[in-house]
PDB file of all heavy atoms in Angstrom:
ATOM      1  N   SER A   1      -8.379  -0.548 -33.764  1.00  0.00           N
ATOM      2  CA  SER A   1      -7.122  -1.285 -33.914  1.00  0.00           C
ATOM      3  C   SER A   1      -6.674  -1.993 -32.635  1.00  0.00           C
ATOM      4  O   SER A   1      -5.582  -2.560 -32.604  1.00  0.00           O
ATOM      5  CB  SER A   1      -6.020  -0.334 -34.382  1.00  0.00           C
ATOM      6  OG  SER A   1      -5.767   0.638 -33.384  1.00  0.00           O
ATOM      7  N   ILE A   2      -7.506  -1.966 -31.605  1.00  0.00           N
ATOM      8  CA  ILE A   2      -7.144  -2.607 -30.331  1.00  0.00           C
ATOM      9  C   ILE A   2      -7.975  -3.875 -30.167  1.00  0.00           C
ATOM     10  O   ILE A   2      -9.200  -3.817 -30.257  1.00  0.00           O
ATOM     11  CB  ILE A   2      -7.396  -1.655 -29.144  1.00  0.00           C
ATOM     12  CG1 ILE A   2      -6.466  -0.443 -29.222  1.00  0.00           C
ATOM     13  CG2 ILE A   2      -7.190  -2.376 -27.815  1.00  0.00           C
ATOM     14  CD1 ILE A   2      -6.668   0.571 -28.128  1.00  0.00           C
ATOM     15  N   PRO A   3      -7.326  -5.013 -29.920  1.00  0.00           N
ATOM     16  CA  PRO A   3      -8.094  -6.240 -29.654  1.00  0.00           C
ATOM     17  C   PRO A   3      -8.993  -6.043 -28.425  1.00  0.00           C
ATOM     18  O   PRO A   3      -8.593  -5.405 -27.453  1.00  0.00           O
ATOM     19  CB  PRO A   3      -7.020  -7.292 -29.379  1.00  0.00           C
ATOM     20  CG  PRO A   3      -5.780  -6.739 -29.983  1.00  0.00           C
ATOM     21  CD  PRO A   3      -5.893  -5.246 -29.892  1.00  0.00           C
ATOM     22  N   LYS A   4     -10.182  -6.551 -28.492  1.00  0.00           N
ATOM     23  CA  LYS A   4     -11.149  -6.390 -27.391  1.00  0.00           C
ATOM     24  C   LYS A   4     -10.929  -7.476 -26.345  1.00  0.00           C
ATOM     25  O   LYS A   4     -11.805  -8.284 -26.050  1.00  0.00           O
ATOM     26  CB  LYS A   4     -12.589  -6.451 -27.916  1.00  0.00           C
ATOM     27  CG  LYS A   4     -12.901  -5.541 -29.083  1.00  0.00           C
ATOM     28  CD  LYS A   4     -12.662  -4.090 -28.785  1.00  0.00           C
ATOM     29  CE  LYS A   4     -13.082  -3.174 -29.890  1.00  0.00           C
ATOM     30  NZ  LYS A   4     -12.299  -3.198 -31.107  1.00  0.00           N
ATOM     31  N   THR A   5      -9.732  -7.502 -25.781  1.00  0.00           N
ATOM     32  CA  THR A   5      -9.382  -8.495 -24.767  1.00  0.00           C
ATOM     33  C   THR A   5      -8.996  -7.789 -23.473  1.00  0.00           C
ATOM     34  O   THR A   5      -8.587  -6.619 -23.483  1.00  0.00           O
ATOM     35  CB  THR A   5      -8.204  -9.366 -25.242  1.00  0.00           C
ATOM     36  OG1 THR A   5      -7.092  -8.520 -25.567  1.00  0.00           O
ATOM     37  CG2 THR A   5      -8.599 -10.184 -26.477  1.00  0.00           C
ATOM     38  N   ARG A   6      -9.125  -8.519 -22.386  1.00  0.00           N
ATOM     39  CA  ARG A   6      -8.875  -7.977 -21.048  1.00  0.00           C
ATOM     40  C   ARG A   6      -7.459  -7.388 -20.939  1.00  0.00           C
ATOM     41  O   ARG A   6      -7.263  -6.361 -20.299  1.00  0.00           O
ATOM     42  CB  ARG A   6      -9.102  -9.095 -20.025  1.00  0.00           C
ATOM     43  CG  ARG A   6      -9.185  -8.624 -18.629  1.00  0.00           C
ATOM     44  CD  ARG A   6      -9.608  -9.771 -17.694  1.00  0.00           C
ATOM     45  NE  ARG A   6     -10.960  -9.518 -17.237  1.00  0.00           N
ATOM     46  CZ  ARG A   6     -12.040 -10.152 -17.632  1.00  0.00           C
ATOM     47  NH1 ARG A   6     -11.961 -11.119 -18.504  1.00  0.00           N
ATOM     48  NH2 ARG A   6     -13.223  -9.849 -17.159  1.00  0.00           N
ATOM     49  N   ASP A   7      -6.477  -8.018 -21.564  1.00  0.00           N
ATOM     50  CA  ASP A   7      -5.100  -7.529 -21.453  1.00  0.00           C
ATOM     51  C   ASP A   7      -4.879  -6.222 -22.222  1.00  0.00           C
ATOM     52  O   ASP A   7      -3.838  -5.585 -22.085  1.00  0.00           O
ATOM     53  CB  ASP A   7      -4.095  -8.591 -21.903  1.00  0.00           C
ATOM     54  CG  ASP A   7      -4.211  -8.948 -23.373  1.00  0.00           C
ATOM     55  OD1 ASP A   7      -5.330  -8.896 -23.925  1.00  0.00           O
ATOM     56  OD2 ASP A   7      -3.169  -9.291 -23.974  1.00  0.00           O
ATOM     57  N   GLN A   8      -5.851  -5.793 -23.001  1.00  0.00           N
ATOM     58  CA  GLN A   8      -5.756  -4.535 -23.742  1.00  0.00           C
ATOM     59  C   GLN A   8      -6.583  -3.417 -23.113  1.00  0.00           C
ATOM     60  O   GLN A   8      -6.747  -2.353 -23.702  1.00  0.00           O
ATOM     61  CB  GLN A   8      -6.197  -4.757 -25.186  1.00  0.00           C
ATOM     62  CG  GLN A   8      -5.252  -5.648 -25.959  1.00  0.00           C
ATOM     63  CD  GLN A   8      -3.852  -5.064 -26.029  1.00  0.00           C
ATOM     64  OE1 GLN A   8      -3.663  -3.926 -26.457  1.00  0.00           O
ATOM     65  NE2 GLN A   8      -2.868  -5.818 -25.588  1.00  0.00           N
ATOM     66  N   LEU A   9      -7.094  -3.667 -21.902  1.00  0.00           N
ATOM     67  CA  LEU A   9      -7.936  -2.665 -21.247  1.00  0.00           C
ATOM     68  C   LEU A   9      -7.185  -1.362 -20.987  1.00  0.00           C
ATOM     69  O   LEU A   9      -7.690  -0.284 -21.279  1.00  0.00           O
ATOM     70  CB  LEU A   9      -8.524  -3.217 -19.942  1.00  0.00           C
ATOM     71  CG  LEU A   9      -9.368  -2.231 -19.126  1.00  0.00           C
ATOM     72  CD1 LEU A   9     -10.509  -1.661 -19.966  1.00  0.00           C
ATOM     73  CD2 LEU A   9      -9.903  -2.915 -17.875  1.00  0.00           C
ATOM     74  N   LEU A  10      -5.991  -1.437 -20.446  1.00  0.00           N
ATOM     75  CA  LEU A  10      -5.254  -0.204 -20.142  1.00  0.00           C
ATOM     76  C   LEU A  10      -4.911   0.578 -21.421  1.00  0.00           C
ATOM     77  O   LEU A  10      -5.144   1.792 -21.465  1.00  0.00           O
ATOM     78  CB  LEU A  10      -4.015  -0.499 -19.303  1.00  0.00           C
ATOM     79  CG  LEU A  10      -3.342   0.716 -18.689  1.00  0.00           C
ATOM     80  CD1 LEU A  10      -4.312   1.558 -17.860  1.00  0.00           C
ATOM     81  CD2 LEU A  10      -2.169   0.277 -17.816  1.00  0.00           C
ATOM     82  N   PRO A  11      -4.402  -0.065 -22.472  1.00  0.00           N
ATOM     83  CA  PRO A  11      -4.191   0.710 -23.711  1.00  0.00           C
ATOM     84  C   PRO A  11      -5.494   1.319 -24.239  1.00  0.00           C
ATOM     85  O   PRO A  11      -5.488   2.439 -24.754  1.00  0.00           O
ATOM     86  CB  PRO A  11      -3.628  -0.321 -24.690  1.00  0.00           C
ATOM     87  CG  PRO A  11      -2.999  -1.359 -23.821  1.00  0.00           C
ATOM     88  CD  PRO A  11      -3.852  -1.422 -22.570  1.00  0.00           C
ATOM     89  N   ALA A  12      -6.596   0.596 -24.111  1.00  0.00           N
ATOM     90  CA  ALA A  12      -7.886   1.134 -24.564  1.00  0.00           C
ATOM     91  C   ALA A  12      -8.286   2.343 -23.719  1.00  0.00           C
ATOM     92  O   ALA A  12      -8.746   3.356 -24.258  1.00  0.00           O
ATOM     93  CB  ALA A  12      -8.964   0.048 -24.486  1.00  0.00           C
ATOM     94  N   LEU A  13      -8.110   2.243 -22.400  1.00  0.00           N
ATOM     95  CA  LEU A  13      -8.426   3.374 -21.524  1.00  0.00           C
ATOM     96  C   LEU A  13      -7.601   4.598 -21.904  1.00  0.00           C
ATOM     97  O   LEU A  13      -8.124   5.713 -21.983  1.00  0.00           O
ATOM     98  CB  LEU A  13      -8.169   3.014 -20.060  1.00  0.00           C
ATOM     99  CG  LEU A  13      -9.284   2.281 -19.340  1.00  0.00           C
ATOM    100  CD1 LEU A  13      -8.771   1.649 -18.053  1.00  0.00           C
ATOM    101  CD2 LEU A  13     -10.441   3.219 -19.053  1.00  0.00           C
ATOM    102  N   TRP A  14      -6.306   4.404 -22.139  1.00  0.00           N
ATOM    103  CA  TRP A  14      -5.447   5.533 -22.497  1.00  0.00           C
ATOM    104  C   TRP A  14      -5.885   6.162 -23.816  1.00  0.00           C
ATOM    105  O   TRP A  14      -5.919   7.382 -23.959  1.00  0.00           O
ATOM    106  CB  TRP A  14      -3.978   5.129 -22.567  1.00  0.00           C
ATOM    107  CG  TRP A  14      -3.338   5.196 -21.223  1.00  0.00           C
ATOM    108  CD1 TRP A  14      -2.885   4.153 -20.477  1.00  0.00           C
ATOM    109  CD2 TRP A  14      -3.106   6.366 -20.430  1.00  0.00           C
ATOM    110  NE1 TRP A  14      -2.387   4.608 -19.280  1.00  0.00           N
ATOM    111  CE2 TRP A  14      -2.506   5.965 -19.222  1.00  0.00           C
ATOM    112  CE3 TRP A  14      -3.354   7.726 -20.622  1.00  0.00           C
ATOM    113  CZ2 TRP A  14      -2.148   6.856 -18.222  1.00  0.00           C
ATOM    114  CZ3 TRP A  14      -2.992   8.619 -19.621  1.00  0.00           C
ATOM    115  CH2 TRP A  14      -2.396   8.175 -18.439  1.00  0.00           C
ATOM    116  N   ARG A  15      -6.221   5.330 -24.790  1.00  0.00           N
ATOM    117  CA  ARG A  15      -6.631   5.873 -26.083  1.00  0.00           C
ATOM    118  C   ARG A  15      -7.913   6.701 -25.942  1.00  0.00           C
ATOM    119  O   ARG A  15      -8.035   7.792 -26.492  1.00  0.00           O
ATOM    120  CB  ARG A  15      -6.838   4.750 -27.090  1.00  0.00           C
ATOM    121  CG  ARG A  15      -7.169   5.324 -28.444  1.00  0.00           C
ATOM    122  CD  ARG A  15      -6.916   4.451 -29.596  1.00  0.00           C
ATOM    123  NE  ARG A  15      -5.555   3.975 -29.698  1.00  0.00           N
ATOM    124  CZ  ARG A  15      -5.210   2.970 -30.494  1.00  0.00           C
ATOM    125  NH1 ARG A  15      -6.120   2.382 -31.241  1.00  0.00           N
ATOM    126  NH2 ARG A  15      -3.969   2.581 -30.564  1.00  0.00           N
ATOM    127  N   VAL A  16      -8.864   6.181 -25.195  1.00  0.00           N
ATOM    128  CA  VAL A  16     -10.127   6.892 -24.980  1.00  0.00           C
ATOM    129  C   VAL A  16      -9.874   8.168 -24.176  1.00  0.00           C
ATOM    130  O   VAL A  16     -10.396   9.237 -24.490  1.00  0.00           O
ATOM    131  CB  VAL A  16     -11.148   5.966 -24.280  1.00  0.00           C
ATOM    132  CG1 VAL A  16     -12.354   6.725 -23.782  1.00  0.00           C
ATOM    133  CG2 VAL A  16     -11.569   4.850 -25.234  1.00  0.00           C
ATOM    134  N   TYR A  17      -9.032   8.069 -23.152  1.00  0.00           N
ATOM    135  CA  TYR A  17      -8.722   9.235 -22.318  1.00  0.00           C
ATOM    136  C   TYR A  17      -8.021  10.326 -23.130  1.00  0.00           C
ATOM    137  O   TYR A  17      -8.300  11.511 -22.970  1.00  0.00           O
ATOM    138  CB  TYR A  17      -7.852   8.812 -21.131  1.00  0.00           C
ATOM    139  CG  TYR A  17      -7.573   9.944 -20.191  1.00  0.00           C
ATOM    140  CD1 TYR A  17      -8.530  10.359 -19.275  1.00  0.00           C
ATOM    141  CD2 TYR A  17      -6.352  10.612 -20.210  1.00  0.00           C
ATOM    142  CE1 TYR A  17      -8.290  11.408 -18.407  1.00  0.00           C
ATOM    143  CE2 TYR A  17      -6.099  11.667 -19.350  1.00  0.00           C
ATOM    144  CZ  TYR A  17      -7.067  12.054 -18.450  1.00  0.00           C
ATOM    145  OH  TYR A  17      -6.825  13.098 -17.595  1.00  0.00           O
ATOM    146  N   GLU A  18      -7.109   9.922 -24.005  1.00  0.00           N
ATOM    147  CA  GLU A  18      -6.395  10.905 -24.820  1.00  0.00           C
ATOM    148  C   GLU A  18      -7.349  11.671 -25.741  1.00  0.00           C
ATOM    149  O   GLU A  18      -7.089  12.814 -26.085  1.00  0.00           O
ATOM    150  CB  GLU A  18      -5.300  10.230 -25.642  1.00  0.00           C
ATOM    151  CG  GLU A  18      -4.110   9.833 -24.796  1.00  0.00           C
ATOM    152  CD  GLU A  18      -3.100   8.965 -25.538  1.00  0.00           C
ATOM    153  OE1 GLU A  18      -3.397   8.491 -26.666  1.00  0.00           O
ATOM    154  OE2 GLU A  18      -2.027   8.741 -24.974  1.00  0.00           O
ATOM    155  N   HIS A  19      -8.437  11.039 -26.116  1.00  0.00           N
ATOM    156  CA  HIS A  19      -9.415  11.731 -26.953  1.00  0.00           C
ATOM    157  C   HIS A  19     -10.318  12.645 -26.128  1.00  0.00           C
ATOM    158  O   HIS A  19     -10.483  13.823 -26.454  1.00  0.00           O
ATOM    159  CB  HIS A  19     -10.287  10.744 -27.737  1.00  0.00           C
ATOM    160  CG  HIS A  19     -11.381  11.433 -28.475  1.00  0.00           C
ATOM    161  ND1 HIS A  19     -11.151  12.127 -29.651  1.00  0.00           N
ATOM    162  CD2 HIS A  19     -12.694  11.597 -28.195  1.00  0.00           C
ATOM    163  CE1 HIS A  19     -12.288  12.659 -30.057  1.00  0.00           C
ATOM    164  NE2 HIS A  19     -13.240  12.358 -29.196  1.00  0.00           N
ATOM    165  N   PHE A  20     -10.924  12.119 -25.056  1.00  0.00           N
ATOM    166  CA  PHE A  20     -11.905  12.881 -24.285  1.00  0.00           C
ATOM    167  C   PHE A  20     -11.270  13.766 -23.207  1.00  0.00           C
ATOM    168  O   PHE A  20     -11.889  14.697 -22.727  1.00  0.00           O
ATOM    169  CB  PHE A  20     -12.920  11.937 -23.620  1.00  0.00           C
ATOM    170  CG  PHE A  20     -13.828  11.248 -24.601  1.00  0.00           C
ATOM    171  CD1 PHE A  20     -13.636   9.917 -24.924  1.00  0.00           C
ATOM    172  CD2 PHE A  20     -14.877  11.935 -25.195  1.00  0.00           C
ATOM    173  CE1 PHE A  20     -14.472   9.282 -25.823  1.00  0.00           C
ATOM    174  CE2 PHE A  20     -15.717  11.300 -26.100  1.00  0.00           C
ATOM    175  CZ  PHE A  20     -15.515   9.973 -26.413  1.00  0.00           C
ATOM    176  N   HIS A  21     -10.060  13.439 -22.767  1.00  0.00           N
ATOM    177  CA  HIS A  21      -9.318  14.157 -21.719  1.00  0.00           C
ATOM    178  C   HIS A  21      -9.944  14.012 -20.331  1.00  0.00           C
ATOM    179  O   HIS A  21      -9.609  14.775 -19.424  1.00  0.00           O
ATOM    180  CB  HIS A  21      -9.127  15.636 -22.059  1.00  0.00           C
ATOM    181  CG  HIS A  21      -8.397  15.824 -23.352  1.00  0.00           C
ATOM    182  ND1 HIS A  21      -7.057  15.539 -23.497  1.00  0.00           N
ATOM    183  CD2 HIS A  21      -8.835  16.240 -24.570  1.00  0.00           C
ATOM    184  CE1 HIS A  21      -6.697  15.782 -24.742  1.00  0.00           C
ATOM    185  NE2 HIS A  21      -7.753  16.200 -25.419  1.00  0.00           N
ATOM    186  N   TYR A  22     -10.854  13.094 -20.175  1.00  0.00           N
ATOM    187  CA  TYR A  22     -11.418  12.759 -18.875  1.00  0.00           C
ATOM    188  C   TYR A  22     -12.222  11.476 -19.038  1.00  0.00           C
ATOM    189  O   TYR A  22     -12.488  11.030 -20.163  1.00  0.00           O
ATOM    190  CB  TYR A  22     -12.293  13.881 -18.315  1.00  0.00           C
ATOM    191  CG  TYR A  22     -13.648  14.034 -18.967  1.00  0.00           C
ATOM    192  CD1 TYR A  22     -14.803  13.659 -18.283  1.00  0.00           C
ATOM    193  CD2 TYR A  22     -13.783  14.566 -20.247  1.00  0.00           C
ATOM    194  CE1 TYR A  22     -16.052  13.805 -18.875  1.00  0.00           C
ATOM    195  CE2 TYR A  22     -15.015  14.717 -20.834  1.00  0.00           C
ATOM    196  CZ  TYR A  22     -16.156  14.330 -20.145  1.00  0.00           C
ATOM    197  OH  TYR A  22     -17.385  14.470 -20.721  1.00  0.00           O
ATOM    198  N   LEU A  23     -12.570  10.867 -17.922  1.00  0.00           N
ATOM    199  CA  LEU A  23     -13.433   9.688 -17.919  1.00  0.00           C
ATOM    200  C   LEU A  23     -14.666  10.012 -17.095  1.00  0.00           C
ATOM    201  O   LEU A  23     -14.602  10.811 -16.171  1.00  0.00           O
ATOM    202  CB  LEU A  23     -12.695   8.482 -17.314  1.00  0.00           C
ATOM    203  CG  LEU A  23     -11.425   8.038 -18.044  1.00  0.00           C
ATOM    204  CD1 LEU A  23     -10.725   6.938 -17.271  1.00  0.00           C
ATOM    205  CD2 LEU A  23     -11.736   7.585 -19.465  1.00  0.00           C
ATOM    206  N   ASN A  24     -15.775   9.390 -17.437  1.00  0.00           N
ATOM    207  CA  ASN A  24     -16.994   9.532 -16.646  1.00  0.00           C
ATOM    208  C   ASN A  24     -17.764   8.216 -16.730  1.00  0.00           C
ATOM    209  O   ASN A  24     -17.361   7.315 -17.479  1.00  0.00           O
ATOM    210  CB  ASN A  24     -17.824  10.738 -17.102  1.00  0.00           C
ATOM    211  CG  ASN A  24     -18.416  10.574 -18.482  1.00  0.00           C
ATOM    212  OD1 ASN A  24     -18.549   9.475 -19.017  1.00  0.00           O
ATOM    213  ND2 ASN A  24     -18.795  11.684 -19.091  1.00  0.00           N
ATOM    214  N   PRO A  25     -18.846   8.063 -15.983  1.00  0.00           N
ATOM    215  CA  PRO A  25     -19.575   6.793 -16.009  1.00  0.00           C
ATOM    216  C   PRO A  25     -20.059   6.379 -17.403  1.00  0.00           C
ATOM    217  O   PRO A  25     -20.062   5.187 -17.731  1.00  0.00           O
ATOM    218  CB  PRO A  25     -20.750   7.045 -15.064  1.00  0.00           C
ATOM    219  CG  PRO A  25     -20.228   8.059 -14.102  1.00  0.00           C
ATOM    220  CD  PRO A  25     -19.358   8.956 -14.937  1.00  0.00           C
ATOM    221  N   ASP A  26     -20.460   7.338 -18.235  1.00  0.00           N
ATOM    222  CA  ASP A  26     -20.914   6.995 -19.588  1.00  0.00           C
ATOM    223  C   ASP A  26     -19.772   6.435 -20.438  1.00  0.00           C
ATOM    224  O   ASP A  26     -19.951   5.456 -21.170  1.00  0.00           O
ATOM    225  CB  ASP A  26     -21.505   8.221 -20.289  1.00  0.00           C
ATOM    226  CG  ASP A  26     -22.805   8.692 -19.661  1.00  0.00           C
ATOM    227  OD1 ASP A  26     -23.485   7.871 -19.010  1.00  0.00           O
ATOM    228  OD2 ASP A  26     -23.137   9.887 -19.810  1.00  0.00           O
ATOM    229  N   ILE A  27     -18.615   7.056 -20.347  1.00  0.00           N
ATOM    230  CA  ILE A  27     -17.451   6.595 -21.113  1.00  0.00           C
ATOM    231  C   ILE A  27     -17.024   5.217 -20.619  1.00  0.00           C
ATOM    232  O   ILE A  27     -16.772   4.311 -21.420  1.00  0.00           O
ATOM    233  CB  ILE A  27     -16.298   7.616 -21.015  1.00  0.00           C
ATOM    234  CG1 ILE A  27     -16.686   8.911 -21.739  1.00  0.00           C
ATOM    235  CG2 ILE A  27     -15.002   7.037 -21.577  1.00  0.00           C
ATOM    236  CD1 ILE A  27     -15.734  10.077 -21.516  1.00  0.00           C
ATOM    237  N   ILE A  28     -16.951   5.043 -19.307  1.00  0.00           N
ATOM    238  CA  ILE A  28     -16.577   3.743 -18.734  1.00  0.00           C
ATOM    239  C   ILE A  28     -17.592   2.680 -19.148  1.00  0.00           C
ATOM    240  O   ILE A  28     -17.228   1.565 -19.530  1.00  0.00           O
ATOM    241  CB  ILE A  28     -16.486   3.830 -17.194  1.00  0.00           C
ATOM    242  CG1 ILE A  28     -15.339   4.756 -16.785  1.00  0.00           C
ATOM    243  CG2 ILE A  28     -16.319   2.448 -16.569  1.00  0.00           C
ATOM    244  CD1 ILE A  28     -13.966   4.276 -17.140  1.00  0.00           C
ATOM    245  N   GLY A  29     -18.882   3.015 -19.085  1.00  0.00           N
ATOM    246  CA  GLY A  29     -19.922   2.071 -19.465  1.00  0.00           C
ATOM    247  C   GLY A  29     -19.822   1.645 -20.917  1.00  0.00           C
ATOM    248  O   GLY A  29     -19.977   0.457 -21.242  1.00  0.00           O
ATOM    249  N   GLU A  30     -19.559   2.592 -21.788  1.00  0.00           N
ATOM    250  CA  GLU A  30     -19.454   2.275 -23.209  1.00  0.00           C
ATOM    251  C   GLU A  30     -18.204   1.450 -23.496  1.00  0.00           C
ATOM    252  O   GLU A  30     -18.233   0.500 -24.277  1.00  0.00           O
ATOM    253  CB  GLU A  30     -19.452   3.554 -24.049  1.00  0.00           C
ATOM    254  CG  GLU A  30     -19.556   3.316 -25.525  1.00  0.00           C
ATOM    255  CD  GLU A  30     -20.768   2.490 -25.934  1.00  0.00           C
ATOM    256  OE1 GLU A  30     -21.856   2.643 -25.338  1.00  0.00           O
ATOM    257  OE2 GLU A  30     -20.624   1.670 -26.876  1.00  0.00           O
ATOM    258  N   LEU A  31     -17.106   1.783 -22.855  1.00  0.00           N
ATOM    259  CA  LEU A  31     -15.881   1.003 -23.002  1.00  0.00           C
ATOM    260  C   LEU A  31     -16.111  -0.421 -22.492  1.00  0.00           C
ATOM    261  O   LEU A  31     -15.703  -1.393 -23.135  1.00  0.00           O
ATOM    262  CB  LEU A  31     -14.742   1.681 -22.233  1.00  0.00           C
ATOM    263  CG  LEU A  31     -13.346   1.148 -22.435  1.00  0.00           C
ATOM    264  CD1 LEU A  31     -12.931   1.226 -23.890  1.00  0.00           C
ATOM    265  CD2 LEU A  31     -12.372   1.940 -21.576  1.00  0.00           C
ATOM    266  N   SER A  32     -16.782  -0.538 -21.365  1.00  0.00           N
ATOM    267  CA  SER A  32     -17.126  -1.843 -20.803  1.00  0.00           C
ATOM    268  C   SER A  32     -17.961  -2.659 -21.786  1.00  0.00           C
ATOM    269  O   SER A  32     -17.692  -3.833 -22.037  1.00  0.00           O
ATOM    270  CB  SER A  32     -17.896  -1.633 -19.491  1.00  0.00           C
ATOM    271  OG  SER A  32     -18.534  -2.813 -19.080  1.00  0.00           O
ATOM    272  N   ARG A  33     -18.971  -2.026 -22.354  1.00  0.00           N
ATOM    273  CA  ARG A  33     -19.863  -2.708 -23.291  1.00  0.00           C
ATOM    274  C   ARG A  33     -19.106  -3.169 -24.536  1.00  0.00           C
ATOM    275  O   ARG A  33     -19.213  -4.323 -24.949  1.00  0.00           O
ATOM    276  CB  ARG A  33     -21.010  -1.781 -23.686  1.00  0.00           C
ATOM    277  CG  ARG A  33     -22.086  -2.463 -24.536  1.00  0.00           C
ATOM    278  CD  ARG A  33     -23.128  -1.474 -25.035  1.00  0.00           C
ATOM    279  NE  ARG A  33     -22.618  -0.581 -26.066  1.00  0.00           N
ATOM    280  CZ  ARG A  33     -22.340  -0.950 -27.325  1.00  0.00           C
ATOM    281  NH1 ARG A  33     -22.505  -2.189 -27.708  1.00  0.00           N
ATOM    282  NH2 ARG A  33     -21.908  -0.062 -28.196  1.00  0.00           N
TER     283      ARG A  33
END
């Protein structure tokens, strides 16, 4: 439900973080991709 645009990066990071409760290179890489 999040547009894949640069201005939505922080909301996307928060949503992913709220699920995994941490970030790592694999998560960052997949979010980047």
